[in-house]
Amino acid sequence: SMEPPIPEPIAVKKKIKKTRDASLPAQERENPFQALQFEPVDIKSFTLQKTFKGHLMSVSNLAMHPKKPMVATASDDCTWKLWSLPEGEIVMSGDGHKDWVAGVNFHPSGTSLVSASGDCTVKLWSFAQQKCTATFSDHTQAVWDAAFHDTGDFVASCSLDHSARLWDVHSQRCRQTFRGHVDSVNAVVWQPFTNNICTGSSDKTLSIWDARSGLCVQTFYGHFNSCNHVNFNLRGDTIASTDSDGLAKLWDVRMVAELMTINVGPHPANKSQFDRSGEVLAIACDDGLVKCWNLLDGEEICQLKGHDDSVHAVVFDPFGKFVISAGSDNTFRLFGVPM
C-alpha cells in the first residue's frame, strides 16, 4: 500500500508564526543627556530658506531622521513621505493608509518608520523593503500619533477612542491598553530612556503611564481646553504641552508641578518642540507663525514667518542648525541661517 502524501499546510503555518514578545528594559537606565550641556539654538538669526510643496493636502506632522539629514512628513492626502535635506528630494512615499495620516516617527536606528492614521490603523514601514511590514488595527477610531520606544522594540499610539496602546514590534500584537482619559487622546511621547509614556488629551489633562504595568502614574491638571500635543526635553525632566486656547505649558515631571505658561493665543497652539539645550521652545500656531520662546526668562525670542495658513508641526534638526515646519498650505518649510 502506498504511503499517504505528507500534508502541505506545514509551510502555511510557518508563515504566520510571529516571533516572541519583546520585553521592556527591567532596570532604571541612565539618560546620557542628563550630563550634557548644549548651547541654545540661535533661532533669532533664522529666516525662511526653502519651501517645499510636499503634498496635495495639509501637512499635519513631521519627524527628523535620527541619523541622517532627512525628514518625514504626514499628510491629509493619505500618505507620508521621506525627504532628503536640504534639497528636499523625495526618498520614499508611504502609500497604503485609507485616510489622513497624522503621526510619523522613526525607529531609533533610522531603518523604519511608524505611521498613525484616520483609518484607525498604525503601520510599520521598512525603508530597506520599501513597504509596509505590519498593520495594527485594534484602535476603534482614528489614530492621532505613534512613537517608537528608544529600544525600537515597542510603539505607543493614541486615538480618538480615548485610549493609548502599546504595540510589540516583534510579536506584532497589542501588549497594553492605557485607559483613563475621558476624551480623545491626541498625543503620545516616551519619556527619554524610560518605560513611561506621556499622553495629552481633549479632556484637558496630560498623563504619564508605566508601559510595563499599564497604569497611570501621574496626571497634570491646568489646561482649560483640549491638549493638542506633549513632548519632553532631552533630559526628560520637563514636559511642554500645547492647547486649543493657544497656551503652552511647561511641567516639572518630578515635582508634578506647572513651571510656566506661555500665551501665544487666541489661535490654537498645535505642537511644540524643545531645542537640544532645553532652553528654547518653538510653537507651531494656527495663525501661520512659529513662535519661539526663551524658557529661562519666559520671553518671546522671535516669530518665524512663511506659512500662508495654520502651522501644524515644528521640529529642530538634532544639531540645532535649522528648524522645519509644516502646515495647512500643503508645504513644509526650512528656516535657518542663510547658506
Protein backbone atom coordinates (compact mmCIF):
# COMPACT_ATOMS: atom_id res chain seq x y z
CA SER A 1 0.00 0.00 0.00
CA MET A 2 1.24 3.49 -0.88
CA GLU A 3 2.23 5.97 1.80
CA PRO A 4 -0.27 8.83 2.06
CA PRO A 5 1.30 12.12 0.89
CA ILE A 6 2.63 14.40 3.63
CA PRO A 7 0.04 17.15 4.17
CA GLU A 8 1.06 20.57 2.85
CA PRO A 9 -0.24 23.07 5.46
CA ILE A 10 3.02 22.97 7.47
CA ALA A 11 4.56 25.69 5.30
CA VAL A 12 1.47 27.89 5.65
CA LYS A 13 1.59 27.61 9.41
CA LYS A 14 5.22 28.69 9.49
CA LYS A 15 4.48 31.83 7.52
CA ILE A 16 2.01 33.24 10.04
CA LYS A 17 4.17 32.37 13.05
CA LYS A 18 5.17 35.56 14.85
CA THR A 19 8.34 35.94 16.84
CA ARG A 20 8.21 36.01 20.61
CA ASP A 21 7.19 39.00 22.69
CA ALA A 22 9.88 41.59 23.32
CA SER A 23 10.39 42.97 26.81
CA LEU A 24 10.89 46.48 28.12
CA PRO A 25 14.16 47.10 29.99
CA ALA A 26 13.79 45.93 33.60
CA GLN A 27 16.38 48.23 35.19
CA GLU A 28 16.37 52.01 35.55
CA ARG A 29 18.62 53.36 32.82
CA GLU A 30 20.91 56.37 32.64
CA ASN A 31 19.75 59.17 30.34
CA PRO A 32 23.01 60.17 28.55
CA PHE A 33 21.67 63.71 28.05
CA GLN A 34 21.40 64.32 31.78
CA ALA A 35 25.11 65.17 31.98
CA LEU A 36 25.37 67.11 28.69
CA GLN A 37 25.10 70.86 28.16
CA PHE A 38 24.23 72.36 24.79
CA GLU A 39 24.25 75.95 23.64
CA PRO A 40 20.73 77.23 22.91
CA VAL A 41 19.90 77.42 19.20
CA ASP A 42 20.43 80.94 17.83
CA ILE A 43 16.90 80.98 16.49
CA LYS A 44 16.59 84.75 16.13
CA SER A 45 19.10 84.56 13.25
CA PHE A 46 16.89 82.05 11.40
CA THR A 47 14.93 83.11 8.33
CA LEU A 48 12.90 81.21 5.73
CA GLN A 49 15.40 79.41 3.47
CA LYS A 50 13.31 76.93 1.49
CA THR A 51 9.72 75.99 0.84
CA PHE A 52 8.77 72.50 -0.32
CA LYS A 53 5.39 71.76 -1.88
CA GLY A 54 5.37 68.37 -0.24
CA HIS A 55 1.82 67.11 -0.51
CA LEU A 56 -1.54 67.50 -2.24
CA MET A 57 -3.21 68.39 1.06
CA SER A 58 -2.38 69.77 4.50
CA VAL A 59 0.87 68.54 6.08
CA SER A 60 -0.06 67.56 9.61
CA ASN A 61 3.16 66.26 11.14
CA LEU A 62 6.93 65.95 10.87
CA ALA A 63 9.75 63.76 12.19
CA MET A 64 13.51 64.24 11.86
CA HIS A 65 15.58 61.17 10.95
CA PRO A 66 17.75 60.23 13.97
CA LYS A 67 20.96 59.75 11.96
CA LYS A 68 20.73 61.34 8.52
CA PRO A 69 19.63 64.73 7.17
CA MET A 70 16.13 63.57 6.27
CA VAL A 71 12.61 64.48 7.35
CA ALA A 72 9.34 62.54 7.21
CA THR A 73 6.05 64.35 6.59
CA ALA A 74 2.49 63.14 7.26
CA SER A 75 -0.45 64.49 5.31
CA ASP A 76 -4.21 64.59 4.92
CA ASP A 77 -3.62 63.21 1.37
CA CYS A 78 -3.33 59.70 2.98
CA THR A 79 0.44 59.47 2.50
CA TRP A 80 3.63 60.02 4.44
CA LYS A 81 6.81 60.96 2.60
CA LEU A 82 10.52 60.84 3.33
CA TRP A 83 12.69 63.73 2.06
CA SER A 84 16.42 64.43 1.92
CA LEU A 85 17.63 67.75 3.32
CA PRO A 86 18.38 70.46 2.47
CA GLU A 87 17.49 69.66 -1.18
CA GLY A 88 14.02 68.32 -0.39
CA GLU A 89 14.29 65.40 -2.80
CA ILE A 90 11.81 62.59 -2.21
CA VAL A 91 13.34 59.36 -0.89
CA MET A 92 10.21 57.28 -0.28
CA SER A 93 6.46 57.67 -0.32
CA GLY A 94 4.30 55.64 2.03
CA ASP A 95 1.05 54.77 0.28
CA GLY A 96 -1.36 52.38 1.99
CA HIS A 97 -3.43 54.27 4.53
CA LYS A 98 -7.08 54.76 3.54
CA ASP A 99 -7.49 58.10 5.35
CA TRP A 100 -5.39 61.03 6.57
CA VAL A 101 -2.02 60.38 8.21
CA ALA A 102 -1.43 62.39 11.39
CA GLY A 103 1.55 60.71 13.08
CA VAL A 104 5.04 59.74 11.88
CA ASN A 105 8.02 58.65 13.95
CA PHE A 106 11.35 56.95 13.19
CA HIS A 107 12.75 53.76 14.66
CA PRO A 108 15.79 54.88 16.75
CA SER A 109 18.14 53.17 14.27
CA GLY A 110 16.53 55.10 11.41
CA THR A 111 15.75 51.92 9.44
CA SER A 112 11.98 52.05 9.66
CA LEU A 113 9.04 54.30 10.44
CA VAL A 114 5.67 54.11 12.17
CA SER A 115 2.60 55.99 10.94
CA ALA A 116 -0.77 56.71 12.55
CA SER A 117 -3.93 57.35 10.54
CA GLY A 118 -7.58 58.30 10.45
CA ASP A 119 -8.25 54.81 9.07
CA CYS A 120 -7.88 53.55 12.70
CA THR A 121 -4.57 51.80 11.99
CA VAL A 122 -0.92 52.08 12.95
CA LYS A 123 1.52 50.88 10.26
CA LEU A 124 5.18 49.92 10.36
CA TRP A 125 7.27 50.59 7.25
CA SER A 126 10.70 49.24 6.30
CA PHE A 127 12.98 51.50 4.26
CA ALA A 128 15.08 48.53 3.04
CA GLN A 129 11.97 46.70 1.81
CA GLN A 130 10.29 49.95 0.73
CA LYS A 131 6.94 48.69 2.04
CA CYS A 132 4.55 48.34 4.96
CA THR A 133 5.62 45.40 7.12
CA ALA A 134 2.86 45.40 9.77
CA THR A 135 -0.58 46.91 10.37
CA PHE A 136 -2.02 47.24 13.88
CA SER A 137 -5.77 47.68 13.84
CA ASP A 138 -7.02 47.35 17.43
CA HIS A 139 -7.94 51.03 17.84
CA THR A 140 -11.66 51.53 17.19
CA GLN A 141 -11.38 55.15 16.00
CA ALA A 142 -8.86 57.45 14.28
CA VAL A 143 -5.25 57.23 15.50
CA TRP A 144 -3.54 60.59 16.01
CA ASP A 145 0.01 59.75 16.90
CA ALA A 146 2.56 56.95 17.34
CA ALA A 147 6.06 56.81 18.80
CA PHE A 148 8.88 54.27 18.99
CA HIS A 149 10.46 53.34 22.33
CA ASP A 150 14.21 54.03 22.40
CA THR A 151 14.94 50.26 22.22
CA GLY A 152 12.99 50.08 18.95
CA ASP A 153 11.04 47.07 20.25
CA PHE A 154 7.78 48.86 21.05
CA VAL A 155 5.48 51.51 19.63
CA ALA A 156 2.97 53.56 21.61
CA SER A 157 -0.08 55.04 19.87
CA CYS A 158 -3.05 57.20 20.85
CA SER A 159 -6.54 57.54 19.48
CA LEU A 160 -9.87 59.29 19.30
CA ASP A 161 -11.21 56.13 21.02
CA HIS A 162 -9.97 57.63 24.38
CA SER A 163 -7.13 55.09 24.70
CA ALA A 164 -3.42 54.72 24.12
CA ARG A 165 -1.90 51.37 23.19
CA LEU A 166 1.44 49.61 23.38
CA TRP A 167 2.45 47.51 20.37
CA ASP A 168 5.14 44.85 20.35
CA VAL A 169 7.16 45.21 17.13
CA HIS A 170 8.43 41.60 17.35
CA SER A 171 5.29 39.62 18.13
CA GLN A 172 3.19 42.27 16.34
CA ARG A 173 0.48 42.35 18.96
CA CYS A 174 -1.05 44.84 21.35
CA ARG A 175 0.58 44.32 24.75
CA GLN A 176 -1.11 47.05 26.76
CA THR A 177 -4.11 49.38 26.58
CA PHE A 178 -3.93 52.59 28.59
CA ARG A 179 -7.43 53.62 29.69
CA GLY A 180 -8.32 56.59 31.84
CA HIS A 181 -8.71 59.62 29.58
CA VAL A 182 -12.36 60.54 29.04
CA ASP A 183 -11.92 62.14 25.61
CA SER A 184 -9.71 61.83 22.54
CA VAL A 185 -6.02 61.12 23.26
CA ASN A 186 -4.27 63.49 20.86
CA ALA A 187 -0.58 62.97 21.52
CA VAL A 188 1.79 60.32 22.83
CA VAL A 189 5.51 60.50 23.54
CA TRP A 190 8.03 58.42 25.50
CA GLN A 191 9.90 59.95 28.41
CA PRO A 192 13.51 59.57 27.18
CA PHE A 193 15.27 56.36 28.27
CA THR A 194 12.40 55.20 30.49
CA ASN A 195 9.39 52.89 30.22
CA ASN A 196 6.98 55.81 30.68
CA ILE A 197 4.71 57.30 28.08
CA CYS A 198 3.09 60.72 28.31
CA THR A 199 -0.29 61.41 26.71
CA GLY A 200 -2.19 64.64 26.05
CA SER A 201 -5.97 64.58 25.75
CA SER A 202 -9.02 66.61 24.78
CA ASP A 203 -10.14 66.02 28.39
CA LYS A 204 -7.62 68.86 29.18
CA THR A 205 -5.15 66.64 31.05
CA LEU A 206 -1.73 65.10 30.49
CA SER A 207 -0.98 61.69 31.97
CA ILE A 208 2.16 59.63 32.48
CA TRP A 209 1.75 55.86 32.24
CA ASP A 210 4.03 52.97 33.14
CA ALA A 211 4.18 50.88 29.96
CA ARG A 212 5.07 47.72 31.90
CA SER A 213 2.06 47.81 34.25
CA GLY A 214 -0.32 49.76 32.02
CA LEU A 215 -1.14 52.03 34.94
CA CYS A 216 -1.40 55.80 35.07
CA VAL A 217 1.28 57.06 37.47
CA GLN A 218 0.77 60.82 37.17
CA THR A 219 -1.79 63.31 35.88
CA PHE A 220 -1.18 67.01 35.22
CA TYR A 221 -4.11 69.42 35.56
CA GLY A 222 -4.04 73.02 34.38
CA HIS A 223 -5.22 73.31 30.79
CA PHE A 224 -8.70 74.78 30.27
CA ASN A 225 -9.08 73.45 26.74
CA SER A 226 -8.12 70.42 24.65
CA CYS A 227 -4.45 69.43 24.97
CA ASN A 228 -3.11 69.02 21.43
CA HIS A 229 0.47 67.90 21.94
CA VAL A 230 3.05 66.86 24.52
CA ASN A 231 6.82 66.47 24.36
CA PHE A 232 9.88 66.19 26.57
CA ASN A 233 13.18 67.99 26.65
CA LEU A 234 16.22 65.73 26.05
CA ARG A 235 16.89 65.38 29.77
CA GLY A 236 13.37 64.05 30.26
CA ASP A 237 12.64 66.20 33.32
CA THR A 238 10.34 68.77 31.66
CA ILE A 239 7.20 68.39 29.52
CA ALA A 240 5.84 71.02 27.15
CA SER A 241 2.13 70.80 26.26
CA THR A 242 0.02 72.94 23.95
CA ASP A 243 -3.72 73.60 23.91
CA SER A 244 -6.55 74.92 21.75
CA ASP A 245 -6.67 78.26 23.61
CA GLY A 246 -3.13 78.99 22.41
CA LEU A 247 -1.41 78.22 25.70
CA ALA A 248 1.81 76.26 26.04
CA LYS A 249 2.63 74.96 29.50
CA LEU A 250 5.85 73.63 30.97
CA TRP A 251 5.68 70.95 33.65
CA ASP A 252 8.24 69.63 36.11
CA VAL A 253 7.95 65.84 35.87
CA ARG A 254 9.41 65.00 39.28
CA MET A 255 7.52 67.67 41.23
CA VAL A 256 4.34 67.18 39.13
CA ALA A 257 4.15 70.98 39.04
CA GLU A 258 3.38 73.60 36.42
CA LEU A 259 6.53 75.66 35.79
CA MET A 260 5.38 78.22 33.22
CA THR A 261 2.51 79.23 30.97
CA ILE A 262 3.20 80.83 27.59
CA ASN A 263 0.30 82.54 25.85
CA VAL A 264 0.51 82.55 22.04
CA GLY A 265 -3.32 82.72 21.64
CA PRO A 266 -6.06 83.32 20.87
CA HIS A 267 -5.39 80.90 18.00
CA PRO A 268 -4.70 77.26 18.95
CA ALA A 269 -1.13 76.16 19.70
CA ASN A 270 -0.83 72.95 17.69
CA LYS A 271 2.55 71.46 18.61
CA SER A 272 5.82 72.49 20.19
CA GLN A 273 9.40 71.30 20.36
CA PHE A 274 12.37 71.96 22.62
CA ASP A 275 15.76 72.66 21.10
CA ARG A 276 18.56 70.42 22.34
CA SER A 277 19.55 72.84 25.11
CA GLY A 278 16.04 72.69 26.53
CA GLU A 279 16.10 76.50 26.77
CA VAL A 280 14.23 77.32 23.56
CA LEU A 281 10.69 76.22 22.70
CA ALA A 282 9.29 76.54 19.16
CA ILE A 283 5.47 76.55 18.98
CA ALA A 284 3.51 75.79 15.79
CA CYS A 285 0.50 78.11 15.79
CA ASP A 286 -2.82 78.25 13.99
CA ASP A 287 -2.20 81.87 12.89
CA GLY A 288 0.55 80.74 10.48
CA LEU A 289 3.52 81.54 12.72
CA VAL A 290 6.14 79.54 14.57
CA LYS A 291 6.62 81.37 17.87
CA CYS A 292 9.95 80.86 19.61
CA TRP A 293 10.34 81.41 23.34
CA ASN A 294 13.23 81.64 25.77
CA LEU A 295 12.32 79.32 28.64
CA LEU A 296 14.84 80.83 31.06
CA ASP A 297 13.14 84.23 31.18
CA GLY A 298 9.74 83.37 29.67
CA GLU A 299 10.10 85.95 26.89
CA GLU A 300 9.37 85.57 23.20
CA ILE A 301 12.57 85.47 21.12
CA CYS A 302 11.11 85.75 17.61
CA GLN A 303 8.46 84.56 15.17
CA LEU A 304 9.25 82.51 12.07
CA LYS A 305 7.06 83.73 9.21
CA GLY A 306 6.47 81.95 5.92
CA HIS A 307 3.36 79.77 6.02
CA ASP A 308 0.15 81.01 4.37
CA ASP A 309 -2.10 79.10 6.78
CA SER A 310 -2.03 77.15 10.08
CA VAL A 311 1.28 75.63 11.15
CA HIS A 312 0.66 72.09 12.41
CA ALA A 313 4.14 70.92 13.40
CA VAL A 314 7.67 72.11 14.03
CA VAL A 315 10.95 70.21 14.58
CA PHE A 316 14.57 71.17 15.26
CA ASP A 317 17.30 69.28 13.45
CA PRO A 318 19.41 67.37 16.01
CA PHE A 319 22.39 69.73 15.63
CA GLY A 320 20.48 72.98 16.02
CA LYS A 321 21.29 74.23 12.53
CA PHE A 322 17.72 74.64 11.27
CA VAL A 323 14.01 74.31 12.01
CA ILE A 324 11.39 72.65 9.81
CA SER A 325 7.70 73.47 9.99
CA ALA A 326 4.65 72.02 8.23
CA GLY A 327 1.20 73.38 7.62
CA SER A 328 -2.22 73.61 6.05
CA ASP A 329 -0.75 75.33 2.97
CA ASN A 330 0.45 71.83 1.83
CA THR A 331 4.09 72.80 2.40
CA PHE A 332 6.94 72.14 4.74
CA ARG A 333 9.48 74.91 5.18
CA LEU A 334 13.10 75.14 6.28
CA PHE A 335 14.22 78.05 8.46
CA GLY A 336 17.88 78.62 9.18
CA VAL A 337 20.88 80.88 8.74
CA PRO A 338 21.48 81.84 5.07
CA MET A 339 23.97 79.41 3.49
